Amino acid sequence: VQTADASDNAARIMTVNTLNGYADAAQIVQIC
């Protein structure tokens, strides 16, 4: 998971409640 690769057997996963859309979308994408 040190790299994002859909072909291996591991994945980094994430969940977040965005408070009705007020979360910083750019930050969420950057975290991803």
All heavy atoms as atom14 arrays in JSON, in Angstrom:
{
  "sequence": "VQTADASDNAARIMTVNTLNGYADAAQIVQIC",
  "atom14_mask": [
    [1, 1, 1, 1, 1, 1, 1, 0, 0, 0, 0, 0, 0, 0],
    [1, 1, 1, 1, 1, 1, 1, 1, 1, 0, 0, 0, 0, 0],
    [1, 1, 1, 1, 1, 1, 1, 0, 0, 0, 0, 0, 0, 0],
    [1, 1, 1, 1, 1, 0, 0, 0, 0, 0, 0, 0, 0, 0],
    [1, 1, 1, 1, 1, 1, 1, 1, 0, 0, 0, 0, 0, 0],
    [1, 1, 1, 1, 1, 0, 0, 0, 0, 0, 0, 0, 0, 0],
    [1, 1, 1, 1, 1, 1, 0, 0, 0, 0, 0, 0, 0, 0],
    [1, 1, 1, 1, 1, 1, 1, 1, 0, 0, 0, 0, 0, 0],
    [1, 1, 1, 1, 1, 1, 1, 1, 0, 0, 0, 0, 0, 0],
    [1, 1, 1, 1, 1, 0, 0, 0, 0, 0, 0, 0, 0, 0],
    [1, 1, 1, 1, 1, 0, 0, 0, 0, 0, 0, 0, 0, 0],
    [1, 1, 1, 1, 1, 1, 1, 1, 1, 1, 1, 0, 0, 0],
    [1, 1, 1, 1, 1, 1, 1, 1, 0, 0, 0, 0, 0, 0],
    [1, 1, 1, 1, 1, 1, 1, 1, 0, 0, 0, 0, 0, 0],
    [1, 1, 1, 1, 1, 1, 1, 0, 0, 0, 0, 0, 0, 0],
    [1, 1, 1, 1, 1, 1, 1, 0, 0, 0, 0, 0, 0, 0],
    [1, 1, 1, 1, 1, 1, 1, 1, 0, 0, 0, 0, 0, 0],
    [1, 1, 1, 1, 1, 1, 1, 0, 0, 0, 0, 0, 0, 0],
    [1, 1, 1, 1, 1, 1, 1, 1, 0, 0, 0, 0, 0, 0],
    [1, 1, 1, 1, 1, 1, 1, 1, 0, 0, 0, 0, 0, 0],
    [1, 1, 1, 1, 0, 0, 0, 0, 0, 0, 0, 0, 0, 0],
    [1, 1, 1, 1, 1, 1, 1, 1, 1, 1, 1, 1, 0, 0],
    [1, 1, 1, 1, 1, 0, 0, 0, 0, 0, 0, 0, 0, 0],
    [1, 1, 1, 1, 1, 1, 1, 1, 0, 0, 0, 0, 0, 0],
    [1, 1, 1, 1, 1, 0, 0, 0, 0, 0, 0, 0, 0, 0],
    [1, 1, 1, 1, 1, 0, 0, 0, 0, 0, 0, 0, 0, 0],
    [1, 1, 1, 1, 1, 1, 1, 1, 1, 0, 0, 0, 0, 0],
    [1, 1, 1, 1, 1, 1, 1, 1, 0, 0, 0, 0, 0, 0],
    [1, 1, 1, 1, 1, 1, 1, 0, 0, 0, 0, 0, 0, 0],
    [1, 1, 1, 1, 1, 1, 1, 1, 1, 0, 0, 0, 0, 0],
    [1, 1, 1, 1, 1, 1, 1, 1, 0, 0, 0, 0, 0, 0],
    [1, 1, 1, 1, 1, 1, 0, 0, 0, 0, 0, 0, 0, 0]
  ],
  "atom14_positions": [
    [[0.81, -1.22, 0.0], [0.0, 0.0, 0.0], [0.84, 1.27, 0.0], [0.3, 2.37, 0.12], [-0.99, 0.03, 1.19], [-1.99, -1.11, 1.07], [-0.27, -0.03, 2.53], [0.0, 0.0, 0.0], [0.0, 0.0, 0.0], [0.0, 0.0, 0.0], [0.0, 0.0, 0.0], [0.0, 0.0, 0.0], [0.0, 0.0, 0.0], [0.0, 0.0, 0.0]],
    [[2.16, 1.13, -0.16], [2.99, 2.32, -0.31], [2.77, 2.98, -1.67], [3.18, 4.13, -1.89], [4.47, 1.96, -0.13], [4.81, 1.45, 1.27], [4.36, 2.39, 2.36], [4.69, 3.58, 2.37], [3.56, 1.86, 3.3], [0.0, 0.0, 0.0], [0.0, 0.0, 0.0], [0.0, 0.0, 0.0], [0.0, 0.0, 0.0], [0.0, 0.0, 0.0]],
    [[2.12, 2.26, -2.55], [1.68, 2.82, -3.82], [0.24, 2.34, -4.05], [-0.17, 1.3, -3.53], [2.56, 2.37, -5.0], [2.55, 0.94, -5.07], [3.99, 2.87, -4.84], [0.0, 0.0, 0.0], [0.0, 0.0, 0.0], [0.0, 0.0, 0.0], [0.0, 0.0, 0.0], [0.0, 0.0, 0.0], [0.0, 0.0, 0.0], [0.0, 0.0, 0.0]],
    [[-0.51, 3.09, -4.82], [-1.88, 2.7, -5.15], [-1.86, 1.81, -6.38], [-1.49, 2.25, -7.47], [-2.74, 3.94, -5.4], [0.0, 0.0, 0.0], [0.0, 0.0, 0.0], [0.0, 0.0, 0.0], [0.0, 0.0, 0.0], [0.0, 0.0, 0.0], [0.0, 0.0, 0.0], [0.0, 0.0, 0.0], [0.0, 0.0, 0.0], [0.0, 0.0, 0.0]],
    [[-2.22, 0.55, -6.2], [-2.18, -0.43, -7.28], [-3.39, -1.35, -7.14], [-3.48, -2.12, -6.18], [-0.87, -1.22, -7.22], [-0.73, -2.21, -8.36], [-1.68, -2.37, -9.15], [0.34, -2.84, -8.47], [0.0, 0.0, 0.0], [0.0, 0.0, 0.0], [0.0, 0.0, 0.0], [0.0, 0.0, 0.0], [0.0, 0.0, 0.0], [0.0, 0.0, 0.0]],
    [[-4.29, -1.28, -8.08], [-5.52, -2.06, -7.99], [-5.32, -3.54, -8.3], [-6.25, -4.34, -8.14], [-6.57, -1.49, -8.95], [0.0, 0.0, 0.0], [0.0, 0.0, 0.0], [0.0, 0.0, 0.0], [0.0, 0.0, 0.0], [0.0, 0.0, 0.0], [0.0, 0.0, 0.0], [0.0, 0.0, 0.0], [0.0, 0.0, 0.0], [0.0, 0.0, 0.0]],
    [[-4.1, -3.92, -8.71], [-3.87, -5.31, -9.1], [-3.33, -6.18, -7.97], [-3.27, -7.4, -8.11], [-2.91, -5.36, -10.28], [-1.62, -4.89, -9.9], [0.0, 0.0, 0.0], [0.0, 0.0, 0.0], [0.0, 0.0, 0.0], [0.0, 0.0, 0.0], [0.0, 0.0, 0.0], [0.0, 0.0, 0.0], [0.0, 0.0, 0.0], [0.0, 0.0, 0.0]],
    [[-2.93, -5.57, -6.84], [-2.37, -6.38, -5.76], [-3.47, -6.78, -4.76], [-4.64, -6.47, -4.95], [-1.2, -5.67, -5.06], [-1.59, -4.32, -4.49], [-2.77, -4.16, -4.1], [-0.73, -3.42, -4.42], [0.0, 0.0, 0.0], [0.0, 0.0, 0.0], [0.0, 0.0, 0.0], [0.0, 0.0, 0.0], [0.0, 0.0, 0.0], [0.0, 0.0, 0.0]],
    [[-3.06, -7.46, -3.69], [-4.06, -7.99, -2.75], [-4.22, -7.12, -1.51], [-4.69, -7.6, -0.47], [-3.7, -9.42, -2.34], [-2.5, -9.47, -1.4], [-1.6, -8.63, -1.51], [-2.49, -10.42, -0.48], [0.0, 0.0, 0.0], [0.0, 0.0, 0.0], [0.0, 0.0, 0.0], [0.0, 0.0, 0.0], [0.0, 0.0, 0.0], [0.0, 0.0, 0.0]],
    [[-3.83, -5.85, -1.58], [-3.97, -4.94, -0.44], [-4.42, -3.58, -0.93], [-4.14, -3.18, -2.07], [-2.65, -4.82, 0.32], [0.0, 0.0, 0.0], [0.0, 0.0, 0.0], [0.0, 0.0, 0.0], [0.0, 0.0, 0.0], [0.0, 0.0, 0.0], [0.0, 0.0, 0.0], [0.0, 0.0, 0.0], [0.0, 0.0, 0.0], [0.0, 0.0, 0.0]],
    [[-5.13, -2.86, -0.07], [-5.63, -1.54, -0.44], [-5.74, -0.67, 0.8], [-6.14, -1.15, 1.87], [-6.99, -1.64, -1.13], [0.0, 0.0, 0.0], [0.0, 0.0, 0.0], [0.0, 0.0, 0.0], [0.0, 0.0, 0.0], [0.0, 0.0, 0.0], [0.0, 0.0, 0.0], [0.0, 0.0, 0.0], [0.0, 0.0, 0.0], [0.0, 0.0, 0.0]],
    [[-5.38, 0.58, 0.65], [-5.6, 1.55, 1.7], [-7.02, 2.07, 1.53], [-7.43, 2.45, 0.42], [-4.58, 2.68, 1.58], [-4.33, 3.47, 2.84], [-3.56, 2.71, 3.86], [-3.12, 3.61, 4.96], [-3.13, 3.28, 6.22], [-3.55, 2.08, 6.59], [-2.72, 4.12, 7.14], [0.0, 0.0, 0.0], [0.0, 0.0, 0.0], [0.0, 0.0, 0.0]],
    [[-7.8, 2.09, 2.61], [-9.21, 2.47, 2.53], [-9.5, 3.58, 3.52], [-8.8, 3.73, 4.53], [-10.12, 1.25, 2.77], [-9.87, 0.65, 4.16], [-9.9, 0.2, 1.69], [-10.76, -0.55, 4.48], [0.0, 0.0, 0.0], [0.0, 0.0, 0.0], [0.0, 0.0, 0.0], [0.0, 0.0, 0.0], [0.0, 0.0, 0.0], [0.0, 0.0, 0.0]],
    [[-10.54, 4.37, 3.24], [-10.81, 5.55, 4.06], [-12.31, 5.85, 4.09], [-13.02, 5.66, 3.1], [-10.04, 6.75, 3.49], [-10.38, 8.1, 4.08], [-9.24, 9.36, 3.41], [-10.26, 10.83, 3.49], [0.0, 0.0, 0.0], [0.0, 0.0, 0.0], [0.0, 0.0, 0.0], [0.0, 0.0, 0.0], [0.0, 0.0, 0.0], [0.0, 0.0, 0.0]],
    [[-12.78, 6.34, 5.24], [-14.15, 6.81, 5.36], [-14.16, 8.15, 6.08], [-13.35, 8.38, 6.98], [-15.04, 5.79, 6.11], [-16.38, 6.3, 6.19], [-14.53, 5.52, 7.51], [0.0, 0.0, 0.0], [0.0, 0.0, 0.0], [0.0, 0.0, 0.0], [0.0, 0.0, 0.0], [0.0, 0.0, 0.0], [0.0, 0.0, 0.0], [0.0, 0.0, 0.0]],
    [[-15.08, 9.04, 5.67], [-15.18, 10.34, 6.32], [-16.6, 10.88, 6.15], [-17.2, 10.79, 5.08], [-14.15, 11.35, 5.77], [-14.34, 11.62, 4.28], [-14.19, 12.66, 6.55], [0.0, 0.0, 0.0], [0.0, 0.0, 0.0], [0.0, 0.0, 0.0], [0.0, 0.0, 0.0], [0.0, 0.0, 0.0], [0.0, 0.0, 0.0], [0.0, 0.0, 0.0]],
    [[-17.14, 11.41, 7.23], [-18.41, 12.14, 7.21], [-18.08, 13.6, 6.89], [-17.32, 14.25, 7.6], [-19.1, 12.03, 8.57], [-20.44, 12.73, 8.62], [-20.63, 13.8, 8.07], [-21.4, 12.12, 9.31], [0.0, 0.0, 0.0], [0.0, 0.0, 0.0], [0.0, 0.0, 0.0], [0.0, 0.0, 0.0], [0.0, 0.0, 0.0], [0.0, 0.0, 0.0]],
    [[-18.67, 14.14, 5.82], [-18.29, 15.47, 5.33], [-19.11, 16.63, 5.92], [-19.0, 17.75, 5.46], [-18.38, 15.54, 3.8], [-19.76, 15.57, 3.41], [-17.69, 14.36, 3.15], [0.0, 0.0, 0.0], [0.0, 0.0, 0.0], [0.0, 0.0, 0.0], [0.0, 0.0, 0.0], [0.0, 0.0, 0.0], [0.0, 0.0, 0.0], [0.0, 0.0, 0.0]],
    [[-19.93, 16.34, 6.94], [-20.76, 17.38, 7.58], [-21.61, 18.1, 6.53], [-21.51, 19.31, 6.32], [-19.9, 18.38, 8.36], [-20.67, 19.4, 9.22], [-21.54, 18.71, 10.25], [-19.71, 20.36, 9.91], [0.0, 0.0, 0.0], [0.0, 0.0, 0.0], [0.0, 0.0, 0.0], [0.0, 0.0, 0.0], [0.0, 0.0, 0.0], [0.0, 0.0, 0.0]],
    [[-22.43, 17.32, 5.86], [-23.35, 17.84, 4.86], [-22.64, 18.6, 3.75], [-23.15, 19.58, 3.21], [-24.42, 18.74, 5.51], [-25.68, 18.82, 4.67], [-25.98, 17.9, 3.9], [-26.41, 19.91, 4.8], [0.0, 0.0, 0.0], [0.0, 0.0, 0.0], [0.0, 0.0, 0.0], [0.0, 0.0, 0.0], [0.0, 0.0, 0.0], [0.0, 0.0, 0.0]],
    [[-21.42, 18.14, 3.43], [-20.7, 18.71, 2.31], [-19.8, 19.88, 2.63], [-19.2, 20.47, 1.73], [0.0, 0.0, 0.0], [0.0, 0.0, 0.0], [0.0, 0.0, 0.0], [0.0, 0.0, 0.0], [0.0, 0.0, 0.0], [0.0, 0.0, 0.0], [0.0, 0.0, 0.0], [0.0, 0.0, 0.0], [0.0, 0.0, 0.0], [0.0, 0.0, 0.0]],
    [[-19.65, 20.23, 3.91], [-18.81, 21.36, 4.28], [-17.33, 21.0, 4.41], [-16.48, 21.87, 4.59], [-19.3, 21.99, 5.59], [-20.58, 22.76, 5.44], [-21.78, 22.24, 5.94], [-20.62, 23.98, 4.79], [-22.98, 22.92, 5.79], [-21.81, 24.67, 4.63], [-22.98, 24.15, 5.13], [-24.17, 24.82, 4.98], [0.0, 0.0, 0.0], [0.0, 0.0, 0.0]],
    [[-17.0, 19.72, 4.33], [-15.59, 19.32, 4.41], [-14.82, 19.86, 3.22], [-15.37, 20.1, 2.14], [-15.49, 17.8, 4.46], [0.0, 0.0, 0.0], [0.0, 0.0, 0.0], [0.0, 0.0, 0.0], [0.0, 0.0, 0.0], [0.0, 0.0, 0.0], [0.0, 0.0, 0.0], [0.0, 0.0, 0.0], [0.0, 0.0, 0.0], [0.0, 0.0, 0.0]],
    [[-13.54, 20.05, 3.43], [-12.66, 20.57, 2.38], [-12.4, 19.47, 1.36], [-11.63, 18.54, 1.61], [-11.35, 21.04, 3.02], [-10.43, 21.76, 2.04], [-10.45, 21.41, 0.83], [-9.67, 22.65, 2.46], [0.0, 0.0, 0.0], [0.0, 0.0, 0.0], [0.0, 0.0, 0.0], [0.0, 0.0, 0.0], [0.0, 0.0, 0.0], [0.0, 0.0, 0.0]],
    [[-13.04, 19.57, 0.2], [-12.94, 18.53, -0.82], [-11.51, 18.4, -1.34], [-11.03, 17.28, -1.57], [-13.89, 18.82, -1.97], [0.0, 0.0, 0.0], [0.0, 0.0, 0.0], [0.0, 0.0, 0.0], [0.0, 0.0, 0.0], [0.0, 0.0, 0.0], [0.0, 0.0, 0.0], [0.0, 0.0, 0.0], [0.0, 0.0, 0.0], [0.0, 0.0, 0.0]],
    [[-10.84, 19.52, -1.51], [-9.47, 19.47, -2.0], [-8.56, 18.73, -1.02], [-7.66, 17.98, -1.43], [-8.95, 20.89, -2.24], [0.0, 0.0, 0.0], [0.0, 0.0, 0.0], [0.0, 0.0, 0.0], [0.0, 0.0, 0.0], [0.0, 0.0, 0.0], [0.0, 0.0, 0.0], [0.0, 0.0, 0.0], [0.0, 0.0, 0.0], [0.0, 0.0, 0.0]],
    [[-8.79, 18.93, 0.28], [-7.99, 18.23, 1.27], [-8.27, 16.73, 1.25], [-7.36, 15.91, 1.4], [-8.24, 18.79, 2.66], [-7.33, 18.18, 3.73], [-7.63, 18.67, 5.13], [-8.53, 19.48, 5.35], [-6.88, 18.18, 6.1], [0.0, 0.0, 0.0], [0.0, 0.0, 0.0], [0.0, 0.0, 0.0], [0.0, 0.0, 0.0], [0.0, 0.0, 0.0]],
    [[-9.55, 16.36, 1.08], [-9.89, 14.94, 0.99], [-9.16, 14.27, -0.17], [-8.58, 13.2, -0.04], [-11.42, 14.76, 0.85], [-12.13, 15.17, 2.14], [-11.76, 13.31, 0.49], [-13.63, 15.14, 2.05], [0.0, 0.0, 0.0], [0.0, 0.0, 0.0], [0.0, 0.0, 0.0], [0.0, 0.0, 0.0], [0.0, 0.0, 0.0], [0.0, 0.0, 0.0]],
    [[-9.16, 14.95, -1.33], [-8.46, 14.4, -2.49], [-6.96, 14.31, -2.24], [-6.32, 13.32, -2.6], [-8.76, 15.24, -3.75], [-7.92, 14.77, -4.93], [-10.24, 15.16, -4.1], [0.0, 0.0, 0.0], [0.0, 0.0, 0.0], [0.0, 0.0, 0.0], [0.0, 0.0, 0.0], [0.0, 0.0, 0.0], [0.0, 0.0, 0.0], [0.0, 0.0, 0.0]],
    [[-6.41, 15.32, -1.57], [-4.98, 15.31, -1.28], [-4.62, 14.18, -0.31], [-3.59, 13.53, -0.46], [-4.53, 16.66, -0.71], [-3.01, 16.8, -0.59], [-2.31, 16.64, -1.94], [-2.7, 17.25, -2.94], [-1.29, 15.79, -1.97], [0.0, 0.0, 0.0], [0.0, 0.0, 0.0], [0.0, 0.0, 0.0], [0.0, 0.0, 0.0], [0.0, 0.0, 0.0]],
    [[-5.48, 13.94, 0.68], [-5.25, 12.82, 1.6], [-5.27, 11.51, 0.82], [-4.44, 10.62, 1.06], [-6.32, 12.81, 2.72], [-6.14, 14.02, 3.65], [-6.24, 11.51, 3.52], [-7.26, 14.19, 4.64], [0.0, 0.0, 0.0], [0.0, 0.0, 0.0], [0.0, 0.0, 0.0], [0.0, 0.0, 0.0], [0.0, 0.0, 0.0], [0.0, 0.0, 0.0]],
    [[-6.2, 11.39, -0.12], [-6.26, 10.18, -0.95], [-4.96, 9.99, -1.72], [-4.46, 8.86, -1.85], [-7.45, 10.25, -1.91], [-9.06, 10.09, -1.11], [0.0, 0.0, 0.0], [0.0, 0.0, 0.0], [0.0, 0.0, 0.0], [0.0, 0.0, 0.0], [0.0, 0.0, 0.0], [0.0, 0.0, 0.0], [0.0, 0.0, 0.0], [0.0, 0.0, 0.0]]
  ]
}
